[in-house]
mmCIF file of all heavy atoms, coordinates in Angstrom:
data_MODEL
# 
_entry.id   MODEL 
# 
loop_
_atom_site.group_PDB 
_atom_site.id 
_atom_site.type_symbol 
_atom_site.label_atom_id 
_atom_site.label_alt_id 
_atom_site.label_comp_id 
_atom_site.label_asym_id 
_atom_site.label_entity_id 
_atom_site.label_seq_id 
_atom_site.pdbx_PDB_ins_code 
_atom_site.Cartn_x 
_atom_site.Cartn_y 
_atom_site.Cartn_z 
_atom_site.occupancy 
_atom_site.B_iso_or_equiv 
_atom_site.pdbx_formal_charge 
_atom_site.auth_seq_id 
_atom_site.auth_comp_id 
_atom_site.auth_asym_id 
_atom_site.auth_atom_id 
_atom_site.pdbx_PDB_model_num 
ATOM 1   N N   . LYS A 1 1  ? 10.971  -39.555 -13.283 1.00 0.00 ? 1  LYS A N   1 
ATOM 2   C CA  . LYS A 1 1  ? 11.447  -38.660 -12.222 1.00 0.00 ? 1  LYS A CA  1 
ATOM 3   C C   . LYS A 1 1  ? 10.663  -37.349 -12.217 1.00 0.00 ? 1  LYS A C   1 
ATOM 4   O O   . LYS A 1 1  ? 10.334  -36.818 -11.162 1.00 0.00 ? 1  LYS A O   1 
ATOM 5   C CB  . LYS A 1 1  ? 12.947  -38.381 -12.376 1.00 0.00 ? 1  LYS A CB  1 
ATOM 6   C CG  . LYS A 1 1  ? 13.816  -39.563 -12.039 1.00 0.00 ? 1  LYS A CG  1 
ATOM 7   C CD  . LYS A 1 1  ? 13.677  -39.929 -10.584 1.00 0.00 ? 1  LYS A CD  1 
ATOM 8   C CE  . LYS A 1 1  ? 14.513  -41.137 -10.236 1.00 0.00 ? 1  LYS A CE  1 
ATOM 9   N NZ  . LYS A 1 1  ? 14.350  -41.517 -8.828  1.00 0.00 ? 1  LYS A NZ  1 
ATOM 10  N N   . TYR A 1 2  ? 10.363  -36.818 -13.403 1.00 0.00 ? 2  TYR A N   1 
ATOM 11  C CA  . TYR A 1 2  ? 9.580   -35.586 -13.465 1.00 0.00 ? 2  TYR A CA  1 
ATOM 12  C C   . TYR A 1 2  ? 8.169   -35.814 -12.921 1.00 0.00 ? 2  TYR A C   1 
ATOM 13  O O   . TYR A 1 2  ? 7.612   -34.949 -12.245 1.00 0.00 ? 2  TYR A O   1 
ATOM 14  C CB  . TYR A 1 2  ? 9.523   -35.027 -14.889 1.00 0.00 ? 2  TYR A CB  1 
ATOM 15  C CG  . TYR A 1 2  ? 10.767  -34.262 -15.266 1.00 0.00 ? 2  TYR A CG  1 
ATOM 16  C CD1 . TYR A 1 2  ? 11.552  -34.672 -16.334 1.00 0.00 ? 2  TYR A CD1 1 
ATOM 17  C CD2 . TYR A 1 2  ? 11.163  -33.130 -14.559 1.00 0.00 ? 2  TYR A CD2 1 
ATOM 18  C CE1 . TYR A 1 2  ? 12.690  -33.967 -16.685 1.00 0.00 ? 2  TYR A CE1 1 
ATOM 19  C CE2 . TYR A 1 2  ? 12.298  -32.430 -14.901 1.00 0.00 ? 2  TYR A CE2 1 
ATOM 20  C CZ  . TYR A 1 2  ? 13.065  -32.850 -15.964 1.00 0.00 ? 2  TYR A CZ  1 
ATOM 21  O OH  . TYR A 1 2  ? 14.195  -32.159 -16.301 1.00 0.00 ? 2  TYR A OH  1 
ATOM 22  N N   . GLU A 1 3  ? 7.596   -36.969 -13.194 1.00 0.00 ? 3  GLU A N   1 
ATOM 23  C CA  . GLU A 1 3  ? 6.269   -37.277 -12.652 1.00 0.00 ? 3  GLU A CA  1 
ATOM 24  C C   . GLU A 1 3  ? 6.324   -37.402 -11.137 1.00 0.00 ? 3  GLU A C   1 
ATOM 25  O O   . GLU A 1 3  ? 5.422   -36.951 -10.435 1.00 0.00 ? 3  GLU A O   1 
ATOM 26  C CB  . GLU A 1 3  ? 5.711   -38.562 -13.273 1.00 0.00 ? 3  GLU A CB  1 
ATOM 27  C CG  . GLU A 1 3  ? 5.100   -38.354 -14.632 1.00 0.00 ? 3  GLU A CG  1 
ATOM 28  C CD  . GLU A 1 3  ? 3.999   -37.309 -14.631 1.00 0.00 ? 3  GLU A CD  1 
ATOM 29  O OE1 . GLU A 1 3  ? 3.086   -37.374 -13.784 1.00 0.00 ? 3  GLU A OE1 1 
ATOM 30  O OE2 . GLU A 1 3  ? 4.059   -36.412 -15.487 1.00 0.00 ? 3  GLU A OE2 1 
ATOM 31  N N   . GLN A 1 4  ? 7.374   -38.026 -10.627 1.00 0.00 ? 4  GLN A N   1 
ATOM 32  C CA  . GLN A 1 4  ? 7.530   -38.126 -9.179  1.00 0.00 ? 4  GLN A CA  1 
ATOM 33  C C   . GLN A 1 4  ? 7.680   -36.734 -8.560  1.00 0.00 ? 4  GLN A C   1 
ATOM 34  O O   . GLN A 1 4  ? 7.138   -36.460 -7.490  1.00 0.00 ? 4  GLN A O   1 
ATOM 35  C CB  . GLN A 1 4  ? 8.740   -38.989 -8.825  1.00 0.00 ? 4  GLN A CB  1 
ATOM 36  C CG  . GLN A 1 4  ? 8.548   -40.459 -9.107  1.00 0.00 ? 4  GLN A CG  1 
ATOM 37  C CD  . GLN A 1 4  ? 9.826   -41.270 -8.907  1.00 0.00 ? 4  GLN A CD  1 
ATOM 38  O OE1 . GLN A 1 4  ? 10.907  -40.723 -8.708  1.00 0.00 ? 4  GLN A OE1 1 
ATOM 39  N NE2 . GLN A 1 4  ? 9.697   -42.591 -8.970  1.00 0.00 ? 4  GLN A NE2 1 
ATOM 40  N N   . ALA A 1 5  ? 8.398   -35.855 -9.254  1.00 0.00 ? 5  ALA A N   1 
ATOM 41  C CA  . ALA A 1 5  ? 8.569   -34.486 -8.767  1.00 0.00 ? 5  ALA A CA  1 
ATOM 42  C C   . ALA A 1 5  ? 7.220   -33.768 -8.724  1.00 0.00 ? 5  ALA A C   1 
ATOM 43  O O   . ALA A 1 5  ? 6.898   -33.086 -7.735  1.00 0.00 ? 5  ALA A O   1 
ATOM 44  C CB  . ALA A 1 5  ? 9.556   -33.723 -9.654  1.00 0.00 ? 5  ALA A CB  1 
ATOM 45  N N   . ASN A 1 6  ? 6.436   -33.917 -9.775  1.00 0.00 ? 6  ASN A N   1 
ATOM 46  C CA  . ASN A 1 6  ? 5.110   -33.293 -9.797  1.00 0.00 ? 6  ASN A CA  1 
ATOM 47  C C   . ASN A 1 6  ? 4.235   -33.836 -8.672  1.00 0.00 ? 6  ASN A C   1 
ATOM 48  O O   . ASN A 1 6  ? 3.516   -33.087 -8.011  1.00 0.00 ? 6  ASN A O   1 
ATOM 49  C CB  . ASN A 1 6  ? 4.434   -33.514 -11.147 1.00 0.00 ? 6  ASN A CB  1 
ATOM 50  C CG  . ASN A 1 6  ? 5.109   -32.744 -12.253 1.00 0.00 ? 6  ASN A CG  1 
ATOM 51  O OD1 . ASN A 1 6  ? 5.795   -31.760 -12.017 1.00 0.00 ? 6  ASN A OD1 1 
ATOM 52  N ND2 . ASN A 1 6  ? 4.925   -33.195 -13.483 1.00 0.00 ? 6  ASN A ND2 1 
ATOM 53  N N   . TYR A 1 7  ? 4.302   -35.134 -8.458  1.00 0.00 ? 7  TYR A N   1 
ATOM 54  C CA  . TYR A 1 7  ? 3.511   -35.751 -7.398  1.00 0.00 ? 7  TYR A CA  1 
ATOM 55  C C   . TYR A 1 7  ? 3.954   -35.240 -6.027  1.00 0.00 ? 7  TYR A C   1 
ATOM 56  O O   . TYR A 1 7  ? 3.119   -34.980 -5.157  1.00 0.00 ? 7  TYR A O   1 
ATOM 57  C CB  . TYR A 1 7  ? 3.620   -37.276 -7.473  1.00 0.00 ? 7  TYR A CB  1 
ATOM 58  C CG  . TYR A 1 7  ? 2.768   -37.989 -6.471  1.00 0.00 ? 7  TYR A CG  1 
ATOM 59  C CD1 . TYR A 1 7  ? 1.378   -37.989 -6.579  1.00 0.00 ? 7  TYR A CD1 1 
ATOM 60  C CD2 . TYR A 1 7  ? 3.333   -38.654 -5.392  1.00 0.00 ? 7  TYR A CD2 1 
ATOM 61  C CE1 . TYR A 1 7  ? 0.584   -38.628 -5.649  1.00 0.00 ? 7  TYR A CE1 1 
ATOM 62  C CE2 . TYR A 1 7  ? 2.552   -39.295 -4.453  1.00 0.00 ? 7  TYR A CE2 1 
ATOM 63  C CZ  . TYR A 1 7  ? 1.180   -39.285 -4.586  1.00 0.00 ? 7  TYR A CZ  1 
ATOM 64  O OH  . TYR A 1 7  ? 0.396   -39.913 -3.642  1.00 0.00 ? 7  TYR A OH  1 
ATOM 65  N N   . SER A 1 8  ? 5.254   -35.075 -5.840  1.00 0.00 ? 8  SER A N   1 
ATOM 66  C CA  . SER A 1 8  ? 5.750   -34.551 -4.564  1.00 0.00 ? 8  SER A CA  1 
ATOM 67  C C   . SER A 1 8  ? 5.237   -33.141 -4.313  1.00 0.00 ? 8  SER A C   1 
ATOM 68  O O   . SER A 1 8  ? 4.853   -32.799 -3.189  1.00 0.00 ? 8  SER A O   1 
ATOM 69  C CB  . SER A 1 8  ? 7.284   -34.545 -4.544  1.00 0.00 ? 8  SER A CB  1 
ATOM 70  O OG  . SER A 1 8  ? 7.782   -35.850 -4.476  1.00 0.00 ? 8  SER A OG  1 
ATOM 71  N N   . GLU A 1 9  ? 5.225   -32.329 -5.354  1.00 0.00 ? 9  GLU A N   1 
ATOM 72  C CA  . GLU A 1 9  ? 4.703   -30.974 -5.191  1.00 0.00 ? 9  GLU A CA  1 
ATOM 73  C C   . GLU A 1 9  ? 3.214   -30.992 -4.827  1.00 0.00 ? 9  GLU A C   1 
ATOM 74  O O   . GLU A 1 9  ? 2.759   -30.211 -3.991  1.00 0.00 ? 9  GLU A O   1 
ATOM 75  C CB  . GLU A 1 9  ? 4.913   -30.157 -6.460  1.00 0.00 ? 9  GLU A CB  1 
ATOM 76  C CG  . GLU A 1 9  ? 6.344   -29.700 -6.628  1.00 0.00 ? 9  GLU A CG  1 
ATOM 77  C CD  . GLU A 1 9  ? 6.553   -28.859 -7.858  1.00 0.00 ? 9  GLU A CD  1 
ATOM 78  O OE1 . GLU A 1 9  ? 5.694   -28.878 -8.773  1.00 0.00 ? 9  GLU A OE1 1 
ATOM 79  O OE2 . GLU A 1 9  ? 7.580   -28.170 -7.907  1.00 0.00 ? 9  GLU A OE2 1 
ATOM 80  N N   . ILE A 1 10 ? 2.476   -31.888 -5.453  1.00 0.00 ? 10 ILE A N   1 
ATOM 81  C CA  . ILE A 1 10 ? 1.046   -32.010 -5.134  1.00 0.00 ? 10 ILE A CA  1 
ATOM 82  C C   . ILE A 1 10 ? 0.871   -32.458 -3.689  1.00 0.00 ? 10 ILE A C   1 
ATOM 83  O O   . ILE A 1 10 ? 0.017   -31.931 -2.968  1.00 0.00 ? 10 ILE A O   1 
ATOM 84  C CB  . ILE A 1 10 ? 0.354   -32.981 -6.115  1.00 0.00 ? 10 ILE A CB  1 
ATOM 85  C CG1 . ILE A 1 10 ? 0.281   -32.354 -7.511  1.00 0.00 ? 10 ILE A CG1 1 
ATOM 86  C CG2 . ILE A 1 10 ? -1.038  -33.353 -5.621  1.00 0.00 ? 10 ILE A CG2 1 
ATOM 87  C CD1 . ILE A 1 10 ? -0.127  -33.301 -8.604  1.00 0.00 ? 10 ILE A CD1 1 
ATOM 88  N N   . GLN A 1 11 ? 1.702   -33.389 -3.245  1.00 0.00 ? 11 GLN A N   1 
ATOM 89  C CA  . GLN A 1 11 ? 1.626   -33.831 -1.850  1.00 0.00 ? 11 GLN A CA  1 
ATOM 90  C C   . GLN A 1 11 ? 1.906   -32.666 -0.903  1.00 0.00 ? 11 GLN A C   1 
ATOM 91  O O   . GLN A 1 11 ? 1.256   -32.536 0.137   1.00 0.00 ? 11 GLN A O   1 
ATOM 92  C CB  . GLN A 1 11 ? 2.634   -34.953 -1.583  1.00 0.00 ? 11 GLN A CB  1 
ATOM 93  C CG  . GLN A 1 11 ? 2.211   -36.297 -2.104  1.00 0.00 ? 11 GLN A CG  1 
ATOM 94  C CD  . GLN A 1 11 ? 3.248   -37.363 -1.806  1.00 0.00 ? 11 GLN A CD  1 
ATOM 95  O OE1 . GLN A 1 11 ? 4.448   -37.132 -1.930  1.00 0.00 ? 11 GLN A OE1 1 
ATOM 96  N NE2 . GLN A 1 11 ? 2.777   -38.522 -1.405  1.00 0.00 ? 11 GLN A NE2 1 
ATOM 97  N N   . GLY A 1 12 ? 2.862   -31.836 -1.264  1.00 0.00 ? 12 GLY A N   1 
ATOM 98  C CA  . GLY A 1 12 ? 3.171   -30.667 -0.437  1.00 0.00 ? 12 GLY A CA  1 
ATOM 99  C C   . GLY A 1 12 ? 2.008   -29.700 -0.372  1.00 0.00 ? 12 GLY A C   1 
ATOM 100 O O   . GLY A 1 12 ? 1.683   -29.167 0.694   1.00 0.00 ? 12 GLY A O   1 
ATOM 101 N N   . GLN A 1 13 ? 1.375   -29.471 -1.508  1.00 0.00 ? 13 GLN A N   1 
ATOM 102 C CA  . GLN A 1 13 ? 0.211   -28.584 -1.533  1.00 0.00 ? 13 GLN A CA  1 
ATOM 103 C C   . GLN A 1 13 ? -0.928  -29.162 -0.697  1.00 0.00 ? 13 GLN A C   1 
ATOM 104 O O   . GLN A 1 13 ? -1.630  -28.432 0.019   1.00 0.00 ? 13 GLN A O   1 
ATOM 105 C CB  . GLN A 1 13 ? -0.243  -28.351 -2.970  1.00 0.00 ? 13 GLN A CB  1 
ATOM 106 C CG  . GLN A 1 13 ? 0.746   -27.536 -3.778  1.00 0.00 ? 13 GLN A CG  1 
ATOM 107 C CD  . GLN A 1 13 ? 0.448   -27.566 -5.267  1.00 0.00 ? 13 GLN A CD  1 
ATOM 108 O OE1 . GLN A 1 13 ? -0.488  -28.218 -5.717  1.00 0.00 ? 13 GLN A OE1 1 
ATOM 109 N NE2 . GLN A 1 13 ? 1.260   -26.862 -6.038  1.00 0.00 ? 13 GLN A NE2 1 
ATOM 110 N N   . MET A 1 14 ? -1.104  -30.473 -0.781  1.00 0.00 ? 14 MET A N   1 
ATOM 111 C CA  . MET A 1 14 ? -2.151  -31.129 0.004   1.00 0.00 ? 14 MET A CA  1 
ATOM 112 C C   . MET A 1 14 ? -1.837  -31.038 1.506   1.00 0.00 ? 14 MET A C   1 
ATOM 113 O O   . MET A 1 14 ? -2.752  -30.840 2.323   1.00 0.00 ? 14 MET A O   1 
ATOM 114 C CB  . MET A 1 14 ? -2.310  -32.595 -0.421  1.00 0.00 ? 14 MET A CB  1 
ATOM 115 C CG  . MET A 1 14 ? -2.796  -32.765 -1.848  1.00 0.00 ? 14 MET A CG  1 
ATOM 116 S SD  . MET A 1 14 ? -4.390  -32.021 -2.150  1.00 0.00 ? 14 MET A SD  1 
ATOM 117 C CE  . MET A 1 14 ? -5.434  -33.109 -1.224  1.00 0.00 ? 14 MET A CE  1 
ATOM 118 N N   . ALA A 1 15 ? -0.573  -31.175 1.877   1.00 0.00 ? 15 ALA A N   1 
ATOM 119 C CA  . ALA A 1 15 ? -0.202  -31.057 3.292   1.00 0.00 ? 15 ALA A CA  1 
ATOM 120 C C   . ALA A 1 15 ? -0.483  -29.651 3.794   1.00 0.00 ? 15 ALA A C   1 
ATOM 121 O O   . ALA A 1 15 ? -0.984  -29.469 4.922   1.00 0.00 ? 15 ALA A O   1 
ATOM 122 C CB  . ALA A 1 15 ? 1.281   -31.396 3.471   1.00 0.00 ? 15 ALA A CB  1 
ATOM 123 N N   . ARG A 1 16 ? -0.188  -28.662 2.970   1.00 0.00 ? 16 ARG A N   1 
ATOM 124 C CA  . ARG A 1 16 ? -0.455  -27.275 3.364   1.00 0.00 ? 16 ARG A CA  1 
ATOM 125 C C   . ARG A 1 16 ? -1.965  -27.041 3.499   1.00 0.00 ? 16 ARG A C   1 
ATOM 126 O O   . ARG A 1 16 ? -2.415  -26.384 4.437   1.00 0.00 ? 16 ARG A O   1 
ATOM 127 C CB  . ARG A 1 16 ? 0.144   -26.338 2.323   1.00 0.00 ? 16 ARG A CB  1 
ATOM 128 C CG  . ARG A 1 16 ? 0.091   -24.878 2.676   1.00 0.00 ? 16 ARG A CG  1 
ATOM 129 C CD  . ARG A 1 16 ? 1.094   -24.561 3.791   1.00 0.00 ? 16 ARG A CD  1 
ATOM 130 N NE  . ARG A 1 16 ? 1.048   -23.188 4.185   1.00 0.00 ? 16 ARG A NE  1 
ATOM 131 C CZ  . ARG A 1 16 ? 1.857   -22.242 3.743   1.00 0.00 ? 16 ARG A CZ  1 
ATOM 132 N NH1 . ARG A 1 16 ? 2.801   -22.546 2.880   1.00 0.00 ? 16 ARG A NH1 1 
ATOM 133 N NH2 . ARG A 1 16 ? 1.752   -21.025 4.181   1.00 0.00 ? 16 ARG A NH2 1 
ATOM 134 N N   . MET A 1 17 ? -2.741  -27.582 2.564   1.00 0.00 ? 17 MET A N   1 
ATOM 135 C CA  . MET A 1 17 ? -4.196  -27.423 2.635   1.00 0.00 ? 17 MET A CA  1 
ATOM 136 C C   . MET A 1 17 ? -4.768  -28.126 3.864   1.00 0.00 ? 17 MET A C   1 
ATOM 137 O O   . MET A 1 17 ? -5.681  -27.609 4.518   1.00 0.00 ? 17 MET A O   1 
ATOM 138 C CB  . MET A 1 17 ? -4.849  -27.960 1.359   1.00 0.00 ? 17 MET A CB  1 
ATOM 139 C CG  . MET A 1 17 ? -4.642  -27.055 0.170   1.00 0.00 ? 17 MET A CG  1 
ATOM 140 S SD  . MET A 1 17 ? -5.253  -27.724 -1.384  1.00 0.00 ? 17 MET A SD  1 
ATOM 141 C CE  . MET A 1 17 ? -6.932  -28.107 -1.004  1.00 0.00 ? 17 MET A CE  1 
ATOM 142 N N   . ALA A 1 18 ? -4.226  -29.304 4.187   1.00 0.00 ? 18 ALA A N   1 
ATOM 143 C CA  . ALA A 1 18 ? -4.700  -30.028 5.370   1.00 0.00 ? 18 ALA A CA  1 
ATOM 144 C C   . ALA A 1 18 ? -4.407  -29.225 6.636   1.00 0.00 ? 18 ALA A C   1 
ATOM 145 O O   . ALA A 1 18 ? -5.234  -29.186 7.565   1.00 0.00 ? 18 ALA A O   1 
ATOM 146 C CB  . ALA A 1 18 ? -4.037  -31.401 5.446   1.00 0.00 ? 18 ALA A CB  1 
ATOM 147 N N   . ALA A 1 19 ? -3.255  -28.564 6.663   1.00 0.00 ? 19 ALA A N   1 
ATOM 148 C CA  . ALA A 1 19 ? -2.925  -27.734 7.826   1.00 0.00 ? 19 ALA A CA  1 
ATOM 149 C C   . ALA A 1 19 ? -3.887  -26.555 7.925   1.00 0.00 ? 19 ALA A C   1 
ATOM 150 O O   . ALA A 1 19 ? -4.334  -26.203 9.024   1.00 0.00 ? 19 ALA A O   1 
ATOM 151 C CB  . ALA A 1 19 ? -1.482  -27.240 7.726   1.00 0.00 ? 19 ALA A CB  1 
ATOM 152 N N   . ARG A 1 20 ? -4.211  -25.956 6.787   1.00 0.00 ? 20 ARG A N   1 
ATOM 153 C CA  . ARG A 1 20 ? -5.164  -24.834 6.808   1.00 0.00 ? 20 ARG A CA  1 
ATOM 154 C C   . ARG A 1 20 ? -6.539  -25.294 7.300   1.00 0.00 ? 20 ARG A C   1 
ATOM 155 O O   . ARG A 1 20 ? -7.204  -24.593 8.063   1.00 0.00 ? 20 ARG A O   1 
ATOM 156 C CB  . ARG A 1 20 ? -5.281  -24.222 5.415   1.00 0.00 ? 20 ARG A CB  1 
ATOM 157 C CG  . ARG A 1 20 ? -4.088  -23.371 5.058   1.00 0.00 ? 20 ARG A CG  1 
ATOM 158 C CD  . ARG A 1 20 ? -4.284  -22.676 3.728   1.00 0.00 ? 20 ARG A CD  1 
ATOM 159 N NE  . ARG A 1 20 ? -3.056  -22.005 3.353   1.00 0.00 ? 20 ARG A NE  1 
ATOM 160 C CZ  . ARG A 1 20 ? -2.528  -22.045 2.145   1.00 0.00 ? 20 ARG A CZ  1 
ATOM 161 N NH1 . ARG A 1 20 ? -3.121  -22.711 1.179   1.00 0.00 ? 20 ARG A NH1 1 
ATOM 162 N NH2 . ARG A 1 20 ? -1.403  -21.410 1.889   1.00 0.00 ? 20 ARG A NH2 1 
ATOM 163 N N   . GLN A 1 21 ? -6.960  -26.466 6.842   1.00 0.00 ? 21 GLN A N   1 
ATOM 164 C CA  . GLN A 1 21 ? -8.252  -26.988 7.292   1.00 0.00 ? 21 GLN A CA  1 
ATOM 165 C C   . GLN A 1 21 ? -8.231  -27.260 8.786   1.00 0.00 ? 21 GLN A C   1 
ATOM 166 O O   . GLN A 1 21 ? -9.212  -26.995 9.491   1.00 0.00 ? 21 GLN A O   1 
ATOM 167 C CB  . GLN A 1 21 ? -8.603  -28.259 6.520   1.00 0.00 ? 21 GLN A CB  1 
ATOM 168 C CG  . GLN A 1 21 ? -8.995  -27.988 5.086   1.00 0.00 ? 21 GLN A CG  1 
ATOM 169 C CD  . GLN A 1 21 ? -9.234  -29.268 4.296   1.00 0.00 ? 21 GLN A CD  1 
ATOM 170 O OE1 . GLN A 1 21 ? -8.750  -30.335 4.643   1.00 0.00 ? 21 GLN A OE1 1 
ATOM 171 N NE2 . GLN A 1 21 ? -9.984  -29.147 3.212   1.00 0.00 ? 21 GLN A NE2 1 
ATOM 172 N N   . ALA A 1 22 ? -7.106  -27.769 9.285   1.00 0.00 ? 22 ALA A N   1 
ATOM 173 C CA  . ALA A 1 22 ? -6.991  -28.016 10.725  1.00 0.00 ? 22 ALA A CA  1 
ATOM 174 C C   . ALA A 1 22 ? -7.037  -26.697 11.487  1.00 0.00 ? 22 ALA A C   1 
ATOM 175 O O   . ALA A 1 22 ? -7.659  -26.619 12.564  1.00 0.00 ? 22 ALA A O   1 
ATOM 176 C CB  . ALA A 1 22 ? -5.699  -28.770 11.029  1.00 0.00 ? 22 ALA A CB  1 
ATOM 177 N N   . GLN A 1 23 ? -6.407  -25.658 10.922  1.00 0.00 ? 23 GLN A N   1 
ATOM 178 C CA  . GLN A 1 23 ? -6.467  -24.349 11.577  1.00 0.00 ? 23 GLN A CA  1 
ATOM 179 C C   . GLN A 1 23 ? -7.897  -23.827 11.631  1.00 0.00 ? 23 GLN A C   1 
ATOM 180 O O   . GLN A 1 23 ? -8.337  -23.324 12.668  1.00 0.00 ? 23 GLN A O   1 
ATOM 181 C CB  . GLN A 1 23 ? -5.585  -23.347 10.815  1.00 0.00 ? 23 GLN A CB  1 
ATOM 182 C CG  . GLN A 1 23 ? -4.101  -23.571 10.982  1.00 0.00 ? 23 GLN A CG  1 
ATOM 183 C CD  . GLN A 1 23 ? -3.286  -22.634 10.111  1.00 0.00 ? 23 GLN A CD  1 
ATOM 184 O OE1 . GLN A 1 23 ? -3.601  -22.419 8.950   1.00 0.00 ? 23 GLN A OE1 1 
ATOM 185 N NE2 . GLN A 1 23 ? -2.224  -22.084 10.678  1.00 0.00 ? 23 GLN A NE2 1 
ATOM 186 N N   . ILE A 1 24 ? -8.599  -23.949 10.528  1.00 0.00 ? 24 ILE A N   1 
ATOM 187 C CA  . ILE A 1 24 ? -9.994  -23.489 10.482  1.00 0.00 ? 24 ILE A CA  1 
ATOM 188 C C   . ILE A 1 24 ? -10.842 -24.259 11.487  1.00 0.00 ? 24 ILE A C   1 
ATOM 189 O O   . ILE A 1 24 ? -11.670 -23.687 12.199  1.00 0.00 ? 24 ILE A O   1 
ATOM 190 C CB  . ILE A 1 24 ? -10.554 -23.612 9.052   1.00 0.00 ? 24 ILE A CB  1 
ATOM 191 C CG1 . ILE A 1 24 ? -9.867  -22.585 8.142   1.00 0.00 ? 24 ILE A CG1 1 
ATOM 192 C CG2 . ILE A 1 24 ? -12.060 -23.435 9.024   1.00 0.00 ? 24 ILE A CG2 1 
ATOM 193 C CD1 . ILE A 1 24 ? -10.117 -22.803 6.659   1.00 0.00 ? 24 ILE A CD1 1 
ATOM 194 N N   . GLN A 1 25 ? -10.617 -25.565 11.561  1.00 0.00 ? 25 GLN A N   1 
ATOM 195 C CA  . GLN A 1 25 ? -11.379 -26.391 12.493  1.00 0.00 ? 25 GLN A CA  1 
ATOM 196 C C   . GLN A 1 25 ? -11.069 -25.993 13.941  1.00 0.00 ? 25 GLN A C   1 
ATOM 197 O O   . GLN A 1 25 ? -11.963 -25.917 14.787  1.00 0.00 ? 25 GLN A O   1 
ATOM 198 C CB  . GLN A 1 25 ? -11.068 -27.866 12.263  1.00 0.00 ? 25 GLN A CB  1 
ATOM 199 C CG  . GLN A 1 25 ? -11.906 -28.803 13.089  1.00 0.00 ? 25 GLN A CG  1 
ATOM 200 C CD  . GLN A 1 25 ? -11.613 -30.256 12.756  1.00 0.00 ? 25 GLN A CD  1 
ATOM 201 O OE1 . GLN A 1 25 ? -10.649 -30.575 12.080  1.00 0.00 ? 25 GLN A OE1 1 
ATOM 202 N NE2 . GLN A 1 25 ? -12.454 -31.140 13.264  1.00 0.00 ? 25 GLN A NE2 1 
ATOM 203 N N   . THR A 1 26 ? -9.802  -25.718 14.205  1.00 0.00 ? 26 THR A N   1 
ATOM 204 C CA  . THR A 1 26 ? -9.418  -25.316 15.559  1.00 0.00 ? 26 THR A CA  1 
ATOM 205 C C   . THR A 1 26 ? -10.072 -23.993 15.933  1.00 0.00 ? 26 THR A C   1 
ATOM 206 O O   . THR A 1 26 ? -10.607 -23.844 17.043  1.00 0.00 ? 26 THR A O   1 
ATOM 207 C CB  . THR A 1 26 ? -7.882  -25.183 15.660  1.00 0.00 ? 26 THR A CB  1 
ATOM 208 O OG1 . THR A 1 26 ? -7.292  -26.454 15.359  1.00 0.00 ? 26 THR A OG1 1 
ATOM 209 C CG2 . THR A 1 26 ? -7.442  -24.742 17.044  1.00 0.00 ? 26 THR A CG2 1 
ATOM 210 N N   . ILE A 1 27 ? -10.045 -23.043 15.009  1.00 0.00 ? 27 ILE A N   1 
ATOM 211 C CA  . ILE A 1 27 ? -10.676 -21.748 15.276  1.00 0.00 ? 27 ILE A CA  1 
ATOM 212 C C   . ILE A 1 27 ? -12.183 -21.915 15.456  1.00 0.00 ? 27 ILE A C   1 
ATOM 213 O O   . ILE A 1 27 ? -12.789 -21.311 16.353  1.00 0.00 ? 27 ILE A O   1 
ATOM 214 C CB  . ILE A 1 27 ? -10.343 -20.748 14.150  1.00 0.00 ? 27 ILE A CB  1 
ATOM 215 C CG1 . ILE A 1 27 ? -8.852  -20.399 14.204  1.00 0.00 ? 27 ILE A CG1 1 
ATOM 216 C CG2 . ILE A 1 27 ? -11.188 -19.491 14.257  1.00 0.00 ? 27 ILE A CG2 1 
ATOM 217 C CD1 . ILE A 1 27 ? -8.346  -19.644 12.992  1.00 0.00 ? 27 ILE A CD1 1 
# 
């Protein structure tokens, strides 16, 4: 469960980074 929690946090960070990259691309 702790590993799944860590993985979920990493997925969240990756989603945020993907959004930032999309913003940069849009600009």
